[in-house]
């Protein structure tokens, strides 16, 4: 008896199917940017801490979050997805490794 293997989709393909290529890149960028703040603070940031870290406005944050919620409607921020991405990469990974993990991982969070 053969074991059934679950077929998975690369995360970038999953996001593109949900929102198109342009917005998928924006969502991916938001997730990685959020992760940079998480790593700096060593905890989940507030939206204000995220904005202060990147020098962005509240309106920009909410635009980014609205795109994220088109992909994952129940998520208030990228924290859950970022935790999943971090689980896929080594602890001392560079930012480039984090981006590669985000876009090339074969599992959907």
C-alpha atoms as a PDB file:
ATOM      1  CA  UNK A   1       0.000   0.000   0.000  1.00  0.00           C
ATOM      2  CA  UNK A   2       1.509   3.308  -1.039  1.00  0.00           C
ATOM      3  CA  UNK A   3       1.483   6.294   1.246  1.00  0.00           C
ATOM      4  CA  UNK A   4      -0.470   9.305  -0.069  1.00  0.00           C
ATOM      5  CA  UNK A   5       1.727  12.404  -0.258  1.00  0.00           C
ATOM      6  CA  UNK A   6       0.008  15.750   0.155  1.00  0.00           C
ATOM      7  CA  UNK A   7       0.828  18.070  -2.709  1.00  0.00           C
ATOM      8  CA  UNK A   8       1.738  21.558  -1.575  1.00  0.00           C
ATOM      9  CA  UNK A   9       2.015  24.887  -3.317  1.00  0.00           C
ATOM     10  CA  UNK A  10       4.902  27.310  -3.029  1.00  0.00           C
ATOM     11  CA  UNK A  11       3.854  30.239  -0.894  1.00  0.00           C
ATOM     12  CA  UNK A  12       4.439  32.764  -3.657  1.00  0.00           C
ATOM     13  CA  UNK A  13       2.150  30.796  -6.001  1.00  0.00           C
ATOM     14  CA  UNK A  14      -0.511  30.649  -3.280  1.00  0.00           C
ATOM     15  CA  UNK A  15      -0.341  34.428  -2.790  1.00  0.00           C
ATOM     16  CA  UNK A  16      -0.353  35.147  -6.534  1.00  0.00           C
ATOM     17  CA  UNK A  17      -3.483  33.048  -6.931  1.00  0.00           C
ATOM     18  CA  UNK A  18      -5.161  35.075  -4.203  1.00  0.00           C
ATOM     19  CA  UNK A  19      -4.154  38.627  -5.158  1.00  0.00           C
ATOM     20  CA  UNK A  20      -2.066  38.617  -8.348  1.00  0.00           C
ATOM     21  CA  UNK A  21       1.688  39.042  -8.777  1.00  0.00           C
ATOM     22  CA  UNK A  22       1.957  42.738  -7.955  1.00  0.00           C
ATOM     23  CA  UNK A  23       0.022  42.511  -4.696  1.00  0.00           C
ATOM     24  CA  UNK A  24       1.645  39.174  -3.775  1.00  0.00           C
ATOM     25  CA  UNK A  25       5.029  40.918  -3.840  1.00  0.00           C
ATOM     26  CA  UNK A  26       3.607  43.674  -1.622  1.00  0.00           C
ATOM     27  CA  UNK A  27       2.225  41.112   0.834  1.00  0.00           C
ATOM     28  CA  UNK A  28       5.538  39.246   0.891  1.00  0.00           C
ATOM     29  CA  UNK A  29       7.405  42.489   1.488  1.00  0.00           C
ATOM     30  CA  UNK A  30       5.064  43.364   4.355  1.00  0.00           C
ATOM     31  CA  UNK A  31       5.637  39.963   5.963  1.00  0.00           C
ATOM     32  CA  UNK A  32       9.434  40.249   5.744  1.00  0.00           C
ATOM     33  CA  UNK A  33       9.362  43.888   6.926  1.00  0.00           C
ATOM     34  CA  UNK A  34       7.218  42.812   9.882  1.00  0.00           C
ATOM     35  CA  UNK A  35       9.705  40.052  10.613  1.00  0.00           C
ATOM     36  CA  UNK A  36      12.581  42.536  10.716  1.00  0.00           C
ATOM     37  CA  UNK A  37      10.770  44.451  13.457  1.00  0.00           C
ATOM     38  CA  UNK A  38       9.960  41.223  15.329  1.00  0.00           C
ATOM     39  CA  UNK A  39      13.634  40.273  15.266  1.00  0.00           C
ATOM     40  CA  UNK A  40      14.687  43.742  16.433  1.00  0.00           C
ATOM     41  CA  UNK A  41      12.206  43.848  19.333  1.00  0.00           C
ATOM     42  CA  UNK A  42      12.295  40.091  20.014  1.00  0.00           C
ATOM     43  CA  UNK A  43       8.493  40.132  20.248  1.00  0.00           C
ATOM     44  CA  UNK A  44       5.384  40.981  18.237  1.00  0.00           C
ATOM     45  CA  UNK A  45       5.289  44.726  17.558  1.00  0.00           C
ATOM     46  CA  UNK A  46       2.318  47.037  17.739  1.00  0.00           C
ATOM     47  CA  UNK A  47       1.328  48.749  14.522  1.00  0.00           C
ATOM     48  CA  UNK A  48       2.825  51.983  15.901  1.00  0.00           C
ATOM     49  CA  UNK A  49       6.173  50.295  16.584  1.00  0.00           C
ATOM     50  CA  UNK A  50       6.126  48.881  13.052  1.00  0.00           C
ATOM     51  CA  UNK A  51       5.411  52.347  11.600  1.00  0.00           C
ATOM     52  CA  UNK A  52       8.083  54.002  13.750  1.00  0.00           C
ATOM     53  CA  UNK A  53      10.687  51.389  12.791  1.00  0.00           C
ATOM     54  CA  UNK A  54      10.086  51.845   9.050  1.00  0.00           C
ATOM     55  CA  UNK A  55       9.159  55.535   9.129  1.00  0.00           C
ATOM     56  CA  UNK A  56       5.835  54.762   7.500  1.00  0.00           C
ATOM     57  CA  UNK A  57       2.413  56.241   8.087  1.00  0.00           C
ATOM     58  CA  UNK A  58      -0.578  54.641   9.740  1.00  0.00           C
ATOM     59  CA  UNK A  59      -2.371  54.759   6.380  1.00  0.00           C
ATOM     60  CA  UNK A  60       0.455  52.808   4.726  1.00  0.00           C
ATOM     61  CA  UNK A  61       0.300  50.182   7.468  1.00  0.00           C
ATOM     62  CA  UNK A  62      -3.441  49.731   7.007  1.00  0.00           C
ATOM     63  CA  UNK A  63      -3.066  49.492   3.212  1.00  0.00           C
ATOM     64  CA  UNK A  64      -0.446  46.770   3.667  1.00  0.00           C
ATOM     65  CA  UNK A  65      -2.632  44.995   6.207  1.00  0.00           C
ATOM     66  CA  UNK A  66      -5.653  45.149   3.884  1.00  0.00           C
ATOM     67  CA  UNK A  67      -3.639  43.323   1.206  1.00  0.00           C
ATOM     68  CA  UNK A  68      -2.488  40.731   3.747  1.00  0.00           C
ATOM     69  CA  UNK A  69      -6.117  40.126   4.728  1.00  0.00           C
ATOM     70  CA  UNK A  70      -7.047  39.463   1.103  1.00  0.00           C
ATOM     71  CA  UNK A  71      -4.710  36.479   1.325  1.00  0.00           C
ATOM     72  CA  UNK A  72      -5.426  35.514   4.958  1.00  0.00           C
ATOM     73  CA  UNK A  73      -8.751  37.147   5.960  1.00  0.00           C
ATOM     74  CA  UNK A  74      -8.588  36.140   9.618  1.00  0.00           C
ATOM     75  CA  UNK A  75      -5.103  37.546  10.295  1.00  0.00           C
ATOM     76  CA  UNK A  76      -4.919  40.951  11.968  1.00  0.00           C
ATOM     77  CA  UNK A  77      -1.215  41.310  11.157  1.00  0.00           C
ATOM     78  CA  UNK A  78       1.599  39.222   9.599  1.00  0.00           C
ATOM     79  CA  UNK A  79       2.726  37.692  12.915  1.00  0.00           C
ATOM     80  CA  UNK A  80       1.274  34.212  12.340  1.00  0.00           C
ATOM     81  CA  UNK A  81       2.690  33.981   8.833  1.00  0.00           C
ATOM     82  CA  UNK A  82       6.032  35.398   9.949  1.00  0.00           C
ATOM     83  CA  UNK A  83       6.293  32.767  12.719  1.00  0.00           C
ATOM     84  CA  UNK A  84       5.634  30.114  10.093  1.00  0.00           C
ATOM     85  CA  UNK A  85       8.310  31.584   7.794  1.00  0.00           C
ATOM     86  CA  UNK A  86      10.834  31.667  10.640  1.00  0.00           C
ATOM     87  CA  UNK A  87      10.107  28.021  11.368  1.00  0.00           C
ATOM     88  CA  UNK A  88      11.162  27.247   7.786  1.00  0.00           C
ATOM     89  CA  UNK A  89      14.575  28.945   7.985  1.00  0.00           C
ATOM     90  CA  UNK A  90      17.643  28.572  10.210  1.00  0.00           C
ATOM     91  CA  UNK A  91      17.835  30.812  13.275  1.00  0.00           C
ATOM     92  CA  UNK A  92      20.833  32.791  11.988  1.00  0.00           C
ATOM     93  CA  UNK A  93      19.499  33.188   8.462  1.00  0.00           C
ATOM     94  CA  UNK A  94      20.111  36.407   6.594  1.00  0.00           C
ATOM     95  CA  UNK A  95      17.307  38.630   5.309  1.00  0.00           C
ATOM     96  CA  UNK A  96      17.886  37.137   1.857  1.00  0.00           C
ATOM     97  CA  UNK A  97      17.332  33.641   3.284  1.00  0.00           C
ATOM     98  CA  UNK A  98      14.107  34.820   4.915  1.00  0.00           C
ATOM     99  CA  UNK A  99      12.857  36.217   1.619  1.00  0.00           C
ATOM    100  CA  UNK A 100      13.771  32.985  -0.165  1.00  0.00           C
ATOM    101  CA  UNK A 101      11.953  30.940   2.476  1.00  0.00           C
ATOM    102  CA  UNK A 102       8.892  33.124   2.169  1.00  0.00           C
ATOM    103  CA  UNK A 103       8.643  32.902  -1.576  1.00  0.00           C
ATOM    104  CA  UNK A 104       9.896  29.385  -2.218  1.00  0.00           C
ATOM    105  CA  UNK A 105       8.561  27.347   0.696  1.00  0.00           C
ATOM    106  CA  UNK A 106       6.398  24.470  -0.410  1.00  0.00           C
ATOM    107  CA  UNK A 107       3.801  24.750   2.337  1.00  0.00           C
ATOM    108  CA  UNK A 108       0.899  27.070   2.916  1.00  0.00           C
ATOM    109  CA  UNK A 109       0.718  28.577   6.413  1.00  0.00           C
END
